């Protein structure tokens, strides 16, 4: 059963992203690979984390971009078209502190009411870690370099630039918690 959700997630993400947005698909594959490396850390939630990592950017797909805010568009797509697990939709909707970006876009109320933040800090941090330590091309990077890349790509005064600068301290804290947890794991 666990493998089925990750296979399904890969199929959905590949269908929506690979042809239309090949670079976003490369990032997605890298994020999913990072999630696979956290299997032992998240235990029984490993399939959920890998599925969320695989689907976190599906809302960028042109046919799904209703609001133009990919976490909300992606979570709605997963819920409405696929009847996805609520925890999965909530992780996708809130990945990498999306509520702060929703605020910048005037969508905080919608996001928070439809997809409340999942009260599972380890999973939330793990998804932030996977996303924020993966380059747009799917390679490994530091959270500091990733944030700088995002600001450079979108511009410091853009909605995304303002959001990511606000979110940076929280992103760094999430990444540090996961790195500490990984270091503390028995080898």
Protein backbone atom coordinates (compact mmCIF):
# COMPACT_ATOMS: atom_id res chain seq x y z
CA UNK A 1 0.00 0.00 0.00
CA UNK A 2 2.77 2.45 0.93
CA UNK A 3 4.52 2.09 -2.42
CA UNK A 4 1.25 2.73 -4.23
CA UNK A 5 0.94 6.32 -2.99
CA UNK A 6 4.48 7.16 -4.09
CA UNK A 7 3.96 5.52 -7.50
CA UNK A 8 0.67 7.41 -7.91
CA UNK A 9 2.32 10.70 -6.84
CA UNK A 10 5.14 10.22 -9.33
CA UNK A 11 2.68 9.45 -12.12
CA UNK A 12 0.55 12.53 -11.36
CA UNK A 13 3.54 14.89 -11.02
CA UNK A 14 5.22 13.57 -14.16
CA UNK A 15 1.99 13.90 -16.16
CA UNK A 16 1.45 17.49 -15.03
CA UNK A 17 5.03 18.79 -15.01
CA UNK A 18 7.48 16.85 -17.19
CA UNK A 19 6.47 18.16 -20.63
CA UNK A 20 5.08 21.57 -19.64
CA UNK A 21 7.74 22.51 -17.07
CA UNK A 22 10.82 20.27 -17.43
CA UNK A 23 12.97 22.29 -15.03
CA UNK A 24 10.24 22.21 -12.38
CA UNK A 25 10.01 18.44 -12.97
CA UNK A 26 13.78 18.14 -12.41
CA UNK A 27 13.43 20.06 -9.12
CA UNK A 28 10.52 17.83 -8.12
CA UNK A 29 12.53 14.69 -8.75
CA UNK A 30 15.39 16.07 -6.66
CA UNK A 31 13.06 16.96 -3.79
CA UNK A 32 11.55 13.47 -3.90
CA UNK A 33 15.05 11.96 -3.84
CA UNK A 34 15.86 14.02 -0.73
CA UNK A 35 12.65 12.76 0.89
CA UNK A 36 13.63 9.17 0.15
CA UNK A 37 16.81 9.82 2.13
CA UNK A 38 14.72 10.75 5.18
CA UNK A 39 12.83 7.43 5.33
CA UNK A 40 14.38 6.29 8.61
CA UNK A 41 13.90 9.69 10.20
CA UNK A 42 10.15 9.93 9.50
CA UNK A 43 9.40 6.23 10.01
CA UNK A 44 5.88 5.16 9.11
CA UNK A 45 5.24 8.53 7.44
CA UNK A 46 7.91 7.94 4.79
CA UNK A 47 5.45 7.34 1.93
CA UNK A 48 3.46 10.43 2.87
CA UNK A 49 6.61 12.57 2.89
CA UNK A 50 7.82 11.19 -0.45
CA UNK A 51 4.38 11.74 -2.03
CA UNK A 52 4.23 15.32 -0.68
CA UNK A 53 7.76 15.99 -1.94
CA UNK A 54 6.81 14.61 -5.35
CA UNK A 55 3.62 16.68 -5.55
CA UNK A 56 4.64 19.88 -3.72
CA UNK A 57 4.98 21.93 -6.95
CA UNK A 58 2.25 20.31 -9.06
CA UNK A 59 0.23 23.53 -8.78
CA UNK A 60 2.69 25.20 -11.16
CA UNK A 61 1.29 23.12 -14.02
CA UNK A 62 -0.29 25.58 -16.47
CA UNK A 63 -3.65 23.80 -16.56
CA UNK A 64 -3.87 23.87 -12.75
CA UNK A 65 -2.84 27.50 -12.18
CA UNK A 66 -6.22 28.95 -11.17
CA UNK A 67 -5.15 31.43 -8.49
CA UNK A 68 -1.51 31.61 -9.60
CA UNK A 69 -0.47 30.49 -6.11
CA UNK A 70 0.93 27.01 -6.66
CA UNK A 71 0.54 25.56 -3.14
CA UNK A 72 -3.19 26.33 -3.10
CA UNK A 73 -3.77 25.37 -6.74
CA UNK A 74 -1.88 22.10 -6.26
CA UNK A 75 -3.67 21.14 -3.04
CA UNK A 76 -7.07 21.89 -4.56
CA UNK A 77 -6.20 19.79 -7.60
CA UNK A 78 -5.12 16.87 -5.41
CA UNK A 79 -8.24 17.12 -3.25
CA UNK A 80 -10.79 17.83 -5.98
CA UNK A 81 -9.53 15.78 -8.93
CA UNK A 82 -7.85 12.94 -7.08
CA UNK A 83 -9.55 12.73 -3.68
CA UNK A 84 -6.08 12.80 -2.13
CA UNK A 85 -5.45 12.07 1.52
CA UNK A 86 -6.12 15.16 3.64
CA UNK A 87 -2.67 15.09 5.24
CA UNK A 88 -1.05 15.00 1.80
CA UNK A 89 -3.11 17.94 0.53
CA UNK A 90 -2.33 19.92 3.68
CA UNK A 91 1.41 19.29 3.35
CA UNK A 92 1.36 20.38 -0.29
CA UNK A 93 -0.73 23.47 0.51
CA UNK A 94 1.57 24.58 3.30
CA UNK A 95 4.99 23.50 2.06
CA UNK A 96 7.94 25.75 2.84
CA UNK A 97 5.89 28.24 4.86
CA UNK A 98 3.39 28.94 2.07
CA UNK A 99 1.07 30.67 4.53
CA UNK A 100 3.48 33.63 4.54
CA UNK A 101 3.33 33.84 0.75
CA UNK A 102 -0.46 33.44 0.87
CA UNK A 103 -0.48 36.51 3.12
CA UNK A 104 1.50 38.48 0.51
CA UNK A 105 -1.05 37.42 -2.12
CA UNK A 106 -4.17 38.12 -0.06
CA UNK A 107 -4.97 34.39 0.09
CA UNK A 108 -4.14 33.62 3.72
CA UNK A 109 -7.77 33.13 4.75
CA UNK A 110 -8.49 30.74 1.88
CA UNK A 111 -5.36 28.67 2.44
CA UNK A 112 -5.75 28.50 6.22
CA UNK A 113 -9.44 27.58 6.13
CA UNK A 114 -9.23 25.00 3.34
CA UNK A 115 -5.90 23.45 4.31
CA UNK A 116 -4.91 24.09 7.93
CA UNK A 117 -1.25 23.59 8.75
CA UNK A 118 -0.56 19.98 9.61
CA UNK A 119 0.27 19.63 13.31
CA UNK A 120 3.12 17.22 12.63
CA UNK A 121 6.29 19.31 12.99
CA UNK A 122 8.69 16.57 11.86
CA UNK A 123 6.85 16.09 8.54
CA UNK A 124 6.50 19.83 7.99
CA UNK A 125 10.20 20.39 8.70
CA UNK A 126 11.20 17.40 6.56
CA UNK A 127 9.34 18.76 3.53
CA UNK A 128 10.88 22.22 4.02
CA UNK A 129 14.31 20.58 4.25
CA UNK A 130 13.79 18.60 1.04
CA UNK A 131 12.49 21.60 -0.93
CA UNK A 132 14.92 24.18 0.39
CA UNK A 133 18.05 22.07 -0.08
CA UNK A 134 17.29 21.21 -3.72
CA UNK A 135 18.19 23.45 -6.67
CA UNK A 136 15.75 24.26 -9.48
CA UNK A 137 17.58 21.60 -11.53
CA UNK A 138 17.30 18.93 -8.83
CA UNK A 139 20.80 19.15 -7.36
CA UNK A 140 21.82 19.57 -3.74
CA UNK A 141 22.33 22.99 -2.21
CA UNK A 142 22.24 24.75 1.14
CA UNK A 143 19.14 26.55 2.35
CA UNK A 144 21.09 29.82 2.30
CA UNK A 145 22.04 29.35 -1.36
CA UNK A 146 18.51 28.25 -2.27
CA UNK A 147 16.95 31.33 -0.69
CA UNK A 148 19.47 33.58 -2.47
CA UNK A 149 18.69 31.83 -5.77
CA UNK A 150 14.94 32.38 -5.29
CA UNK A 151 15.42 36.08 -4.47
CA UNK A 152 17.70 36.43 -7.50
CA UNK A 153 15.25 34.68 -9.81
CA UNK A 154 12.13 36.58 -8.73
CA UNK A 155 13.59 39.87 -7.47
CA UNK A 156 13.76 41.12 -3.90
CA UNK A 157 10.67 43.32 -4.24
CA UNK A 158 8.45 40.70 -5.91
CA UNK A 159 5.77 38.82 -3.99
CA UNK A 160 7.98 35.74 -3.91
CA UNK A 161 11.07 37.76 -2.99
CA UNK A 162 9.28 39.42 -0.06
CA UNK A 163 7.82 36.11 1.09
CA UNK A 164 11.07 34.14 0.95
CA UNK A 165 12.96 36.82 2.86
CA UNK A 166 10.26 36.76 5.57
CA UNK A 167 10.30 32.96 5.62
CA UNK A 168 14.11 32.62 5.65
CA UNK A 169 14.53 32.39 9.47
CA UNK A 170 11.82 29.72 9.67
CA UNK A 171 13.31 27.83 6.72
CA UNK A 172 16.76 27.85 8.33
CA UNK A 173 15.28 26.62 11.62
CA UNK A 174 13.46 23.75 9.89
CA UNK A 175 16.58 22.72 7.99
CA UNK A 176 18.69 22.89 11.16
CA UNK A 177 16.20 20.71 13.07
CA UNK A 178 16.27 18.05 10.35
CA UNK A 179 20.07 18.18 10.06
CA UNK A 180 20.35 17.78 13.86
CA UNK A 181 17.92 14.86 13.81
CA UNK A 182 19.88 13.19 11.01
CA UNK A 183 23.15 13.68 12.91
CA UNK A 184 21.62 12.16 16.05
CA UNK A 185 20.43 9.03 14.23
CA UNK A 186 22.37 5.86 14.91
CA UNK A 187 24.46 4.78 11.91
